[in-house]
Amino acid sequence: MGVCELLVLDEEIKDLILNNASEGEIEKKAKEKGMRSFYEDAMEKLQRGYTSLEEVLRVTGM
C-alpha cells in the first residue's frame, strides 16, 4: 500500500501559484480544501494497522 500526497489544482490553487504565493500559503489553502500531507497519510495508515512505525519512519525520513 502506498503513501501519497495529492494536490488538486483547482482555480484557487492555480491562482495562488500564478501569483507567486509562498509554499506555506499554497499548503494552507490546500489543507483547508482537504489535502492530507504525505506524513498525515502515513500516520493514518499506521493507525489503521496497514503498516508499521518502522516503515512509516523509513518512507517519510523522519
C-alpha atoms as a PDB file:
ATOM      1  CA  MET A   1       0.000   0.000   0.000  1.00  0.00           C
ATOM      2  CA  GLY A   2       1.411   3.361  -0.987  1.00  0.00           C
ATOM      3  CA  VAL A   3       1.647   6.581   0.950  1.00  0.00           C
ATOM      4  CA  CYS A   4       0.749   9.647  -1.061  1.00  0.00           C
ATOM      5  CA  GLU A   5       0.164  13.360  -1.094  1.00  0.00           C
ATOM      6  CA  LEU A   6      -2.086  14.783  -3.794  1.00  0.00           C
ATOM      7  CA  LEU A   7      -2.550  18.466  -4.585  1.00  0.00           C
ATOM      8  CA  VAL A   8      -5.696  19.133  -6.619  1.00  0.00           C
ATOM      9  CA  LEU A   9      -5.120  22.130  -8.874  1.00  0.00           C
ATOM     10  CA  ASP A  10      -8.455  23.910  -8.698  1.00  0.00           C
ATOM     11  CA  GLU A  11      -8.839  27.573  -9.662  1.00  0.00           C
ATOM     12  CA  GLU A  12      -7.909  28.907  -6.207  1.00  0.00           C
ATOM     13  CA  ILE A  13      -4.725  26.848  -6.041  1.00  0.00           C
ATOM     14  CA  LYS A  14      -3.822  27.748  -9.635  1.00  0.00           C
ATOM     15  CA  ASP A  15      -4.296  31.447  -8.851  1.00  0.00           C
ATOM     16  CA  LEU A  16      -2.033  31.179  -5.816  1.00  0.00           C
ATOM     17  CA  ILE A  17       0.666  29.515  -7.908  1.00  0.00           C
ATOM     18  CA  LEU A  18       0.347  32.027 -10.752  1.00  0.00           C
ATOM     19  CA  ASN A  19       0.561  34.897  -8.255  1.00  0.00           C
ATOM     20  CA  ASN A  20       3.780  33.502  -6.762  1.00  0.00           C
ATOM     21  CA  ALA A  21       2.249  32.658  -3.391  1.00  0.00           C
ATOM     22  CA  SER A  22       4.587  31.073  -0.895  1.00  0.00           C
ATOM     23  CA  GLU A  23       4.707  27.328  -0.406  1.00  0.00           C
ATOM     24  CA  GLY A  24       3.153  27.871   3.021  1.00  0.00           C
ATOM     25  CA  GLU A  25       0.208  29.817   1.587  1.00  0.00           C
ATOM     26  CA  ILE A  26      -0.440  27.147  -1.036  1.00  0.00           C
ATOM     27  CA  GLU A  27      -0.185  24.354   1.524  1.00  0.00           C
ATOM     28  CA  LYS A  28      -2.521  26.170   3.929  1.00  0.00           C
ATOM     29  CA  LYS A  29      -5.188  26.615   1.238  1.00  0.00           C
ATOM     30  CA  ALA A  30      -4.789  23.019   0.049  1.00  0.00           C
ATOM     31  CA  LYS A  31      -5.230  21.719   3.605  1.00  0.00           C
ATOM     32  CA  GLU A  32      -8.334  23.895   4.019  1.00  0.00           C
ATOM     33  CA  LYS A  33      -9.656  22.082   0.952  1.00  0.00           C
ATOM     34  CA  GLY A  34      -8.922  18.659   2.431  1.00  0.00           C
ATOM     35  CA  MET A  35      -5.428  17.768   1.267  1.00  0.00           C
ATOM     36  CA  ARG A  36      -3.504  15.463   3.586  1.00  0.00           C
ATOM     37  CA  SER A  37       0.257  15.643   3.682  1.00  0.00           C
ATOM     38  CA  PHE A  38       2.493  12.673   2.932  1.00  0.00           C
ATOM     39  CA  TYR A  39       3.200  12.391   6.664  1.00  0.00           C
ATOM     40  CA  GLU A  40      -0.511  12.602   7.605  1.00  0.00           C
ATOM     41  CA  ASP A  41      -1.348   9.860   5.103  1.00  0.00           C
ATOM     42  CA  ALA A  42       1.435   7.668   6.502  1.00  0.00           C
ATOM     43  CA  MET A  43       0.238   8.213  10.080  1.00  0.00           C
ATOM     44  CA  GLU A  44      -3.351   7.340   9.140  1.00  0.00           C
ATOM     45  CA  LYS A  45      -2.174   4.093   7.563  1.00  0.00           C
ATOM     46  CA  LEU A  46      -0.166   3.365  10.709  1.00  0.00           C
ATOM     47  CA  GLN A  47      -3.197   3.990  12.946  1.00  0.00           C
ATOM     48  CA  ARG A  48      -5.352   1.692  10.798  1.00  0.00           C
ATOM     49  CA  GLY A  49      -2.779  -1.061  11.069  1.00  0.00           C
ATOM     50  CA  TYR A  50      -1.887  -1.064   7.366  1.00  0.00           C
ATOM     51  CA  THR A  51       1.817  -0.510   8.076  1.00  0.00           C
ATOM     52  CA  SER A  52       4.379  -0.415  10.864  1.00  0.00           C
ATOM     53  CA  LEU A  53       6.059   2.506  12.605  1.00  0.00           C
ATOM     54  CA  GLU A  54       9.387   1.365  11.187  1.00  0.00           C
ATOM     55  CA  GLU A  55       8.017   1.549   7.646  1.00  0.00           C
ATOM     56  CA  VAL A  56       6.491   4.996   8.239  1.00  0.00           C
ATOM     57  CA  LEU A  57       9.821   6.268   9.553  1.00  0.00           C
ATOM     58  CA  ARG A  58      11.661   4.723   6.610  1.00  0.00           C
ATOM     59  CA  VAL A  59       9.484   6.231   3.883  1.00  0.00           C
ATOM     60  CA  THR A  60       8.969   9.642   5.480  1.00  0.00           C
ATOM     61  CA  GLY A  61      12.592  10.084   6.504  1.00  0.00           C
ATOM     62  CA  MET A  62      11.540  11.157   9.985  1.00  0.00           C
END
